[in-house]
């Protein structure tokens, strides 16, 4: 496919996402199935254009003065890809399978590319109804924070220190040119061009040997900040596919016991294969049953409960750009209810002096600080471990990280703009002895 044909296909797919109100991944897969002539590079190119348009949907529409799929794709090429009007005109020239040529008005809009006076939610590319929530957290910097959440994420990997030959991981990936992550002591980062195919990490020998796992640096740090120690008894209450469970197993040096569970056993399905590949031997997977509580025998025995809480996922918009346009206010209220339930359940599992590591991939205070404040009102015997103290686990990198992250009385917040990670909130709570 020519670059122009890819652009035309992206406009078509974007329109289908809008009209069908379906996740982008599903619509892109359907398009690839019905267009067998498109090679893997073409499919990756079309997907990249679509996801970039979703990332910059509001600002691109503002630049072009309308919200049609064509306008948003054209505006994105200026806003996100940095192409000038002449370069865009070469892609949309009407030749072959390319989009129709630019109109005079479209060219004028692209040449002006004016976002002056645009509301913060437009410049920051997030839903208008979330603007009060962003204002509460970020104030006058909310459009910059939103714009950073709209950027394309790098590919982050975690080196699995359980494996005795883990030091070979970076060398085995040398052709992908990985660099060290800024904060995580066990992280590697691969930066990708806008139109690049994501590398087949799952086929890499380093992955197959269990030397690496795909995990954003912010998620790696959240697991590290949980403060798990070798030999402890730990519950990963919302384990899902096991990303943080695996990180905890490595932090604990395969000593002690991690009990990994989730309310939905379908989310747990991938964890078994991942544990085996990683060589994590101190993990027991507790699959929920229709009758009975699998956690009942663990009550009052745990040193640490990690809650990777269900949330709106606003901190992960770099990886799921279509999710931000599908989120509705009702989802926030539902997630808050689930967060409170998880926190209250964790209390019953702790022994005196035990800790709760409360983590979300959200930047909204309603799911972060407010959830912690509400929990402490219900359970006054818990105190918040000062976030500066939690961060000290980073050693020589700690002081710089303290200046980069947002620290509050309830915890710490990472964002793409300040820490160059996904958006994560971490609070460490300690019960009375």
Protein backbone atom coordinates (compact mmCIF):
# COMPACT_ATOMS: atom_id res chain seq x y z
CA UNK A 1 0.00 0.00 0.00
CA UNK A 2 1.16 3.53 -0.72
CA UNK A 3 1.34 6.02 2.16
CA UNK A 4 -1.73 7.73 0.71
CA UNK A 5 -3.63 4.45 0.58
CA UNK A 6 -2.76 3.80 4.23
CA UNK A 7 -4.14 7.21 5.13
CA UNK A 8 -7.38 6.51 3.23
CA UNK A 9 -7.70 3.16 5.03
CA UNK A 10 -7.11 4.85 8.40
CA UNK A 11 -9.88 7.35 7.67
CA UNK A 12 -12.20 4.44 6.84
CA UNK A 13 -11.31 2.52 10.01
CA UNK A 14 -11.64 5.62 12.20
CA UNK A 15 -15.10 6.21 10.77
CA UNK A 16 -16.08 2.62 11.59
CA UNK A 17 -14.86 3.02 15.17
CA UNK A 18 -17.02 6.13 15.52
CA UNK A 19 -20.18 4.72 13.98
CA UNK A 20 -19.95 1.22 15.46
CA UNK A 21 -18.76 2.41 18.91
CA UNK A 22 -16.42 -0.55 19.19
CA UNK A 23 -12.87 -0.82 20.55
CA UNK A 24 -10.23 0.21 18.03
CA UNK A 25 -8.38 -3.11 18.23
CA UNK A 26 -11.51 -5.05 17.19
CA UNK A 27 -12.26 -2.77 14.24
CA UNK A 28 -8.64 -2.85 13.06
CA UNK A 29 -8.57 -6.64 13.26
CA UNK A 30 -11.77 -6.84 11.23
CA UNK A 31 -10.31 -4.47 8.62
CA UNK A 32 -7.15 -6.56 8.34
CA UNK A 33 -9.20 -9.74 7.87
CA UNK A 34 -11.25 -8.20 5.08
CA UNK A 35 -8.18 -6.68 3.36
CA UNK A 36 -5.89 -9.67 2.95
CA UNK A 37 -3.70 -7.83 0.46
CA UNK A 38 -2.45 -5.59 3.28
CA UNK A 39 0.85 -6.87 4.64
CA UNK A 40 1.96 -6.69 8.25
CA UNK A 41 3.72 -3.37 7.62
CA UNK A 42 0.58 -1.93 6.05
CA UNK A 43 -1.59 -3.08 8.97
CA UNK A 44 0.87 -1.59 11.45
CA UNK A 45 0.97 1.66 9.47
CA UNK A 46 -2.82 1.95 9.37
CA UNK A 47 -3.10 1.10 13.07
CA UNK A 48 -0.49 3.71 13.94
CA UNK A 49 -2.42 6.39 12.09
CA UNK A 50 -5.70 5.38 13.75
CA UNK A 51 -4.27 5.31 17.26
CA UNK A 52 -2.51 8.64 16.78
CA UNK A 53 -5.81 10.14 15.59
CA UNK A 54 -7.52 8.79 18.71
CA UNK A 55 -4.77 10.25 20.87
CA UNK A 56 -5.16 13.70 19.33
CA UNK A 57 -8.83 13.59 18.40
CA UNK A 58 -9.98 16.80 20.13
CA UNK A 59 -7.02 19.00 19.15
CA UNK A 60 -6.95 17.68 15.58
CA UNK A 61 -10.65 18.43 15.15
CA UNK A 62 -10.05 21.90 16.57
CA UNK A 63 -7.26 22.56 14.07
CA UNK A 64 -9.47 21.53 11.15
CA UNK A 65 -12.69 23.12 12.43
CA UNK A 66 -14.75 19.94 12.13
CA UNK A 67 -14.98 16.45 13.64
CA UNK A 68 -15.20 14.18 10.60
CA UNK A 69 -12.82 11.20 10.38
CA UNK A 70 -11.04 12.86 7.45
CA UNK A 71 -10.59 16.13 9.34
CA UNK A 72 -9.28 14.38 12.44
CA UNK A 73 -6.78 12.29 10.47
CA UNK A 74 -5.53 15.30 8.53
CA UNK A 75 -5.27 17.41 11.66
CA UNK A 76 -3.41 14.61 13.44
CA UNK A 77 -0.75 14.54 10.71
CA UNK A 78 0.00 18.15 11.59
CA UNK A 79 -0.52 17.94 15.36
CA UNK A 80 1.11 14.59 16.14
CA UNK A 81 3.30 13.71 13.17
CA UNK A 82 4.52 17.27 12.56
CA UNK A 83 3.91 17.25 8.79
CA UNK A 84 3.44 20.56 6.98
CA UNK A 85 0.58 21.28 4.57
CA UNK A 86 2.64 20.37 1.50
CA UNK A 87 3.60 16.97 2.91
CA UNK A 88 0.00 16.25 3.85
CA UNK A 89 -1.14 17.33 0.37
CA UNK A 90 1.18 14.72 -1.16
CA UNK A 91 -0.57 12.01 0.90
CA UNK A 92 -4.03 13.30 0.04
CA UNK A 93 -3.76 13.99 -3.69
CA UNK A 94 -6.57 11.80 -5.02
CA UNK A 95 -4.20 9.53 -6.93
CA UNK A 96 -4.82 5.81 -6.85
CA UNK A 97 -6.32 4.86 -3.50
CA UNK A 98 -5.30 8.09 -1.75
CA UNK A 99 -7.85 10.43 -0.14
CA UNK A 100 -9.34 13.24 -2.19
CA UNK A 101 -7.09 16.32 -2.60
CA UNK A 102 -7.04 18.98 0.11
CA UNK A 103 -9.58 21.76 -0.24
CA UNK A 104 -8.45 25.36 0.02
CA UNK A 105 -10.03 25.58 3.46
CA UNK A 106 -8.27 22.42 4.66
CA UNK A 107 -4.90 23.72 3.48
CA UNK A 108 -5.50 27.05 5.20
CA UNK A 109 -6.41 25.28 8.44
CA UNK A 110 -3.31 23.10 8.28
CA UNK A 111 -1.07 26.08 7.58
CA UNK A 112 -2.51 28.00 10.53
CA UNK A 113 -2.71 24.97 12.88
CA UNK A 114 -4.09 27.27 15.53
CA UNK A 115 -4.96 26.01 19.02
CA UNK A 116 -4.81 29.46 20.54
CA UNK A 117 -7.70 29.99 22.91
CA UNK A 118 -8.70 26.32 22.82
CA UNK A 119 -10.12 24.98 26.10
CA UNK A 120 -7.75 22.94 28.23
CA UNK A 121 -9.59 19.70 27.46
CA UNK A 122 -9.15 20.31 23.70
CA UNK A 123 -5.45 21.18 23.94
CA UNK A 124 -4.98 18.27 26.33
CA UNK A 125 -7.07 15.82 24.28
CA UNK A 126 -9.30 14.44 27.02
CA UNK A 127 -13.12 14.32 27.39
CA UNK A 128 -14.73 17.61 28.37
CA UNK A 129 -16.60 16.10 31.33
CA UNK A 130 -13.27 15.19 32.95
CA UNK A 131 -11.99 18.78 32.94
CA UNK A 132 -13.07 19.52 36.56
CA UNK A 133 -11.31 16.33 37.70
CA UNK A 134 -8.11 17.26 35.86
CA UNK A 135 -8.33 20.81 37.22
CA UNK A 136 -8.54 19.47 40.77
CA UNK A 137 -5.32 17.48 40.34
CA UNK A 138 -3.26 19.51 37.87
CA UNK A 139 -4.69 23.04 37.96
CA UNK A 140 -3.29 25.26 35.20
CA UNK A 141 -1.03 22.46 33.99
CA UNK A 142 -3.91 20.15 33.08
CA UNK A 143 -3.67 20.64 29.31
CA UNK A 144 0.05 19.78 29.37
CA UNK A 145 -0.61 16.71 31.50
CA UNK A 146 -3.40 15.62 29.18
CA UNK A 147 -1.20 16.13 26.12
CA UNK A 148 1.49 13.93 27.69
CA UNK A 149 -1.12 11.25 28.37
CA UNK A 150 -1.97 11.44 24.67
CA UNK A 151 1.59 10.72 23.53
CA UNK A 152 2.72 7.34 22.25
CA UNK A 153 4.22 5.15 24.97
CA UNK A 154 7.62 3.49 24.63
CA UNK A 155 7.98 -0.26 25.05
CA UNK A 156 9.22 -1.02 28.56
CA UNK A 157 10.59 -4.36 29.73
CA UNK A 158 11.40 -5.67 33.20
CA UNK A 159 14.47 -7.85 33.64
CA UNK A 160 13.56 -10.94 35.66
CA UNK A 161 16.21 -11.14 38.39
CA UNK A 162 15.01 -14.58 39.46
CA UNK A 163 16.82 -16.07 36.48
CA UNK A 164 20.52 -16.62 37.17
CA UNK A 165 21.52 -15.38 33.71
CA UNK A 166 19.28 -12.29 33.75
CA UNK A 167 22.28 -10.01 33.12
CA UNK A 168 22.34 -11.32 29.53
CA UNK A 169 18.88 -9.91 28.77
CA UNK A 170 19.96 -6.54 27.36
CA UNK A 171 22.68 -8.17 25.27
CA UNK A 172 20.20 -10.66 23.80
CA UNK A 173 17.98 -7.73 22.72
CA UNK A 174 20.84 -5.66 21.28
CA UNK A 175 19.26 -5.52 17.81
CA UNK A 176 16.31 -3.60 19.34
CA UNK A 177 18.68 -1.05 20.90
CA UNK A 178 17.16 -1.03 24.39
CA UNK A 179 18.23 1.62 26.89
CA UNK A 180 18.07 1.64 30.67
CA UNK A 181 14.91 3.06 32.20
CA UNK A 182 15.29 6.29 34.13
CA UNK A 183 14.07 5.10 37.52
CA UNK A 184 13.56 1.34 37.68
CA UNK A 185 16.77 -0.56 38.44
CA UNK A 186 15.54 -3.54 36.42
CA UNK A 187 13.94 -1.77 33.45
CA UNK A 188 14.78 -1.58 29.75
CA UNK A 189 13.15 0.83 27.32
CA UNK A 190 12.70 0.55 23.56
CA UNK A 191 11.54 3.71 21.80
CA UNK A 192 9.49 3.28 18.65
CA UNK A 193 8.95 5.60 15.70
CA UNK A 194 5.40 6.72 15.02
CA UNK A 195 4.91 4.34 12.08
CA UNK A 196 7.07 1.48 13.39
CA UNK A 197 5.80 -2.01 13.99
CA UNK A 198 6.01 -3.13 17.58
CA UNK A 199 8.78 -5.73 17.84
CA UNK A 200 7.71 -9.35 18.35
CA UNK A 201 8.98 -9.48 21.93
CA UNK A 202 7.10 -12.71 22.61
CA UNK A 203 9.26 -14.45 19.99
CA UNK A 204 12.57 -13.16 21.38
CA UNK A 205 14.80 -15.80 23.03
CA UNK A 206 15.16 -13.51 26.07
CA UNK A 207 11.39 -13.58 26.52
CA UNK A 208 11.02 -17.30 25.86
CA UNK A 209 13.72 -18.02 28.46
CA UNK A 210 11.87 -15.88 31.02
CA UNK A 211 14.59 -13.23 31.26
CA UNK A 212 12.21 -10.35 30.53
CA UNK A 213 8.56 -9.36 30.90
CA UNK A 214 6.68 -6.54 29.19
CA UNK A 215 5.83 -4.03 31.92
CA UNK A 216 5.67 -0.23 31.95
CA UNK A 217 8.28 1.39 34.15
CA UNK A 218 5.54 2.96 36.29
CA UNK A 219 4.10 -0.48 36.98
CA UNK A 220 7.57 -1.76 37.88
CA UNK A 221 7.96 1.10 40.34
CA UNK A 222 4.53 0.51 41.85
CA UNK A 223 5.53 -3.08 42.64
CA UNK A 224 8.83 -1.89 44.08
CA UNK A 225 7.14 0.77 46.23
CA UNK A 226 4.87 -1.90 47.74
CA UNK A 227 7.83 -2.80 49.91
CA UNK A 228 7.54 -6.59 49.81
CA UNK A 229 10.38 -8.38 51.60
CA UNK A 230 11.83 -11.86 51.15
CA UNK A 231 10.13 -14.38 53.42
CA UNK A 232 6.89 -12.43 53.87
CA UNK A 233 3.32 -13.58 53.35
CA UNK A 234 1.73 -11.47 50.60
CA UNK A 235 -1.64 -11.34 48.84
CA UNK A 236 -1.97 -9.84 45.36
CA UNK A 237 -5.69 -9.17 45.62
CA UNK A 238 -6.33 -8.02 42.02
CA UNK A 239 -3.62 -10.04 40.29
CA UNK A 240 -5.15 -10.22 36.82
CA UNK A 241 -2.64 -11.61 34.33
CA UNK A 242 0.10 -11.43 36.97
CA UNK A 243 2.36 -8.54 35.96
CA UNK A 244 2.88 -7.23 39.48
CA UNK A 245 2.78 -10.74 40.97
CA UNK A 246 5.83 -11.64 38.89
CA UNK A 247 7.58 -8.41 39.89
CA UNK A 248 6.88 -9.13 43.57
CA UNK A 249 8.25 -12.67 43.23
CA UNK A 250 11.52 -11.26 41.92
CA UNK A 251 11.67 -8.55 44.61
CA UNK A 252 11.12 -11.25 47.25
CA UNK A 253 13.87 -13.40 45.67
CA UNK A 254 11.45 -16.33 45.42
CA UNK A 255 11.24 -16.49 49.22
CA UNK A 256 8.10 -16.37 51.31
CA UNK A 257 4.68 -16.80 49.72
CA UNK A 258 2.56 -14.76 47.35
CA UNK A 259 -1.12 -15.64 47.11
CA UNK A 260 -2.39 -14.32 43.76
CA UNK A 261 -6.11 -14.02 43.17
CA UNK A 262 -8.73 -11.97 41.36
CA UNK A 263 -12.50 -11.65 41.41
CA UNK A 264 -12.63 -12.79 37.77
CA UNK A 265 -10.91 -16.11 37.10
CA UNK A 266 -10.77 -15.33 33.38
CA UNK A 267 -8.29 -12.54 34.09
CA UNK A 268 -6.09 -15.04 35.93
CA UNK A 269 -5.84 -17.43 32.97
CA UNK A 270 -2.46 -16.21 31.61
CA UNK A 271 -0.73 -16.17 35.00
CA UNK A 272 0.10 -19.88 35.15
CA UNK A 273 2.19 -19.92 31.96
CA UNK A 274 3.90 -16.67 32.94
CA UNK A 275 4.87 -18.01 36.38
CA UNK A 276 6.35 -21.13 34.85
CA UNK A 277 8.36 -19.19 32.27
CA UNK A 278 9.64 -16.75 34.90
CA UNK A 279 10.64 -19.48 37.35
CA UNK A 280 8.55 -17.91 40.13
CA UNK A 281 8.16 -20.68 42.71
CA UNK A 282 6.79 -18.71 45.65
CA UNK A 283 3.38 -17.96 44.11
CA UNK A 284 0.15 -19.81 44.82
CA UNK A 285 -2.71 -18.93 42.48
CA UNK A 286 -6.08 -18.89 44.24
CA UNK A 287 -8.79 -19.17 41.62
CA UNK A 288 -12.13 -17.79 42.86
CA UNK A 289 -14.91 -20.33 43.30
CA UNK A 290 -18.63 -19.97 42.89
CA UNK A 291 -19.11 -21.04 46.50
CA UNK A 292 -16.82 -20.19 49.39
CA UNK A 293 -14.04 -17.67 49.98
CA UNK A 294 -10.60 -18.86 48.88
CA UNK A 295 -9.00 -16.16 51.03
CA UNK A 296 -10.72 -17.17 54.29
CA UNK A 297 -7.78 -19.32 55.50
CA UNK A 298 -5.43 -16.35 55.05
CA UNK A 299 -7.28 -13.91 57.31
CA UNK A 300 -5.18 -12.13 59.93
CA UNK A 301 -1.98 -13.77 58.62
CA UNK A 302 -0.65 -11.49 55.86
CA UNK A 303 2.27 -9.08 56.07
CA UNK A 304 1.27 -7.23 52.90
CA UNK A 305 -1.75 -6.97 50.63
CA UNK A 306 -1.21 -5.44 47.20
CA UNK A 307 -4.31 -3.93 45.63
CA UNK A 308 -3.80 -3.13 41.95
CA UNK A 309 -7.25 -1.61 42.09
CA UNK A 310 -9.87 -1.61 39.35
CA UNK A 311 -9.98 1.95 38.03
CA UNK A 312 -10.86 4.13 35.07
CA UNK A 313 -7.40 3.62 33.56
CA UNK A 314 -6.87 7.33 32.87
CA UNK A 315 -3.16 6.88 33.55
CA UNK A 316 -2.84 4.28 30.78
CA UNK A 317 -4.33 6.36 27.95
CA UNK A 318 -0.99 6.29 26.09
CA UNK A 319 -1.57 2.57 25.53
CA UNK A 320 -5.38 2.63 25.20
CA UNK A 321 -6.18 5.93 23.47
CA UNK A 322 -9.67 4.90 22.42
CA UNK A 323 -10.61 4.08 26.02
CA UNK A 324 -10.60 7.74 27.05
CA UNK A 325 -13.34 8.61 24.58
CA UNK A 326 -15.51 5.68 25.68
CA UNK A 327 -15.32 6.32 29.44
CA UNK A 328 -18.50 7.65 31.08
CA UNK A 329 -19.14 9.24 34.51
CA UNK A 330 -20.95 6.14 35.71
CA UNK A 331 -17.77 4.12 35.30
CA UNK A 332 -15.97 6.33 37.82
CA UNK A 333 -18.62 5.76 40.48
CA UNK A 334 -18.56 2.00 39.87
CA UNK A 335 -14.75 1.86 40.15
CA UNK A 336 -14.85 3.81 43.43
CA UNK A 337 -17.27 1.26 44.87
CA UNK A 338 -15.00 -1.61 43.82
CA UNK A 339 -11.95 0.15 45.26
CA UNK A 340 -13.62 0.56 48.64
CA UNK A 341 -14.62 -3.11 48.65
CA UNK A 342 -11.07 -4.22 47.85
CA UNK A 343 -9.56 -2.01 50.56
CA UNK A 344 -12.02 -3.24 53.17
CA UNK A 345 -11.35 -6.87 52.18
CA UNK A 346 -7.62 -6.32 52.56
CA UNK A 347 -8.05 -5.28 56.20
CA UNK A 348 -9.35 -8.71 57.15
CA UNK A 349 -6.27 -10.40 55.72
CA UNK A 350 -3.63 -8.44 57.61
CA UNK A 351 -1.91 -9.38 60.81
CA UNK A 352 -1.18 -6.56 63.31
CA UNK A 353 1.32 -4.13 61.80
CA UNK A 354 0.58 -5.37 58.28
CA UNK A 355 0.57 -3.12 55.22
CA UNK A 356 -1.68 -2.39 52.27
CA UNK A 357 -0.13 -1.17 49.02
CA UNK A 358 -2.94 0.60 47.17
CA UNK A 359 -2.18 1.17 43.47
CA UNK A 360 -4.20 2.57 40.59
CA UNK A 361 -3.37 3.42 36.98
CA UNK A 362 -5.50 6.54 37.34
CA UNK A 363 -4.62 10.23 37.70
CA UNK A 364 -7.99 11.19 39.22
CA UNK A 365 -8.02 12.13 42.91
CA UNK A 366 -11.46 10.54 43.28
CA UNK A 367 -9.83 7.13 42.81
CA UNK A 368 -6.58 7.98 44.58
CA UNK A 369 -6.33 10.39 47.49
CA UNK A 370 -10.09 10.49 48.04
CA UNK A 371 -10.27 6.68 48.21
CA UNK A 372 -7.47 6.66 50.78
CA UNK A 373 -9.13 9.37 52.87
CA UNK A 374 -12.44 7.52 52.82
CA UNK A 375 -10.70 4.28 53.79
CA UNK A 376 -8.94 5.90 56.76
CA UNK A 377 -12.23 7.37 57.91
CA UNK A 378 -13.65 3.83 57.98
CA UNK A 379 -10.45 2.34 59.47
CA UNK A 380 -8.77 4.95 61.69
CA UNK A 381 -6.18 2.43 62.87
CA UNK A 382 -4.29 2.77 59.57
CA UNK A 383 -1.65 5.40 58.84
CA UNK A 384 -0.11 6.45 55.53
CA UNK A 385 3.58 5.71 55.18
CA UNK A 386 5.07 9.05 54.01
CA UNK A 387 5.56 8.79 50.23
CA UNK A 388 9.07 10.26 50.50
CA UNK A 389 9.96 7.32 52.73
CA UNK A 390 8.42 4.87 50.27
CA UNK A 391 10.50 6.33 47.43
CA UNK A 392 13.77 5.85 49.33
CA UNK A 393 13.87 2.29 47.99
CA UNK A 394 15.22 3.84 44.76
CA UNK A 395 18.51 4.68 46.46
CA UNK A 396 20.54 7.30 44.63
CA UNK A 397 17.66 7.96 42.23
CA UNK A 398 15.21 8.71 45.05
CA UNK A 399 15.80 12.44 45.50
CA UNK A 400 15.35 13.19 41.82
CA UNK A 401 12.21 11.04 41.67
CA UNK A 402 10.75 12.90 44.65
CA UNK A 403 11.06 16.11 42.65
CA UNK A 404 9.52 14.55 39.55
CA UNK A 405 6.49 12.81 41.08
CA UNK A 406 3.55 14.54 42.78
CA UNK A 407 3.67 13.80 46.51
CA UNK A 408 0.61 14.32 48.72
CA UNK A 409 -0.46 13.35 52.21
CA UNK A 410 -2.03 10.20 50.73
CA UNK A 411 0.65 8.95 48.34
CA UNK A 412 2.57 9.64 45.16
CA UNK A 413 1.43 10.18 41.59
CA UNK A 414 3.48 9.42 38.50
CA UNK A 415 2.51 10.87 35.11
CA UNK A 416 4.00 10.74 31.60
CA UNK A 417 4.77 14.46 31.77
CA UNK A 418 6.72 14.43 35.04
CA UNK A 419 8.14 10.90 35.40
CA UNK A 420 7.97 9.66 31.77
CA UNK A 421 5.92 6.64 32.87
CA UNK A 422 2.27 5.75 32.63
CA UNK A 423 0.08 7.45 35.22
CA UNK A 424 0.22 5.52 38.50
CA UNK A 425 -0.82 6.34 42.05
CA UNK A 426 0.76 4.48 44.97
CA UNK A 427 -0.17 4.65 48.65
CA UNK A 428 1.33 2.45 51.36
CA UNK A 429 -0.91 2.05 54.41
CA UNK A 430 0.22 0.50 57.71
CA UNK A 431 -2.04 -0.96 60.39
CA UNK A 432 -1.45 -0.52 64.08
CA UNK A 433 0.75 -3.14 65.77
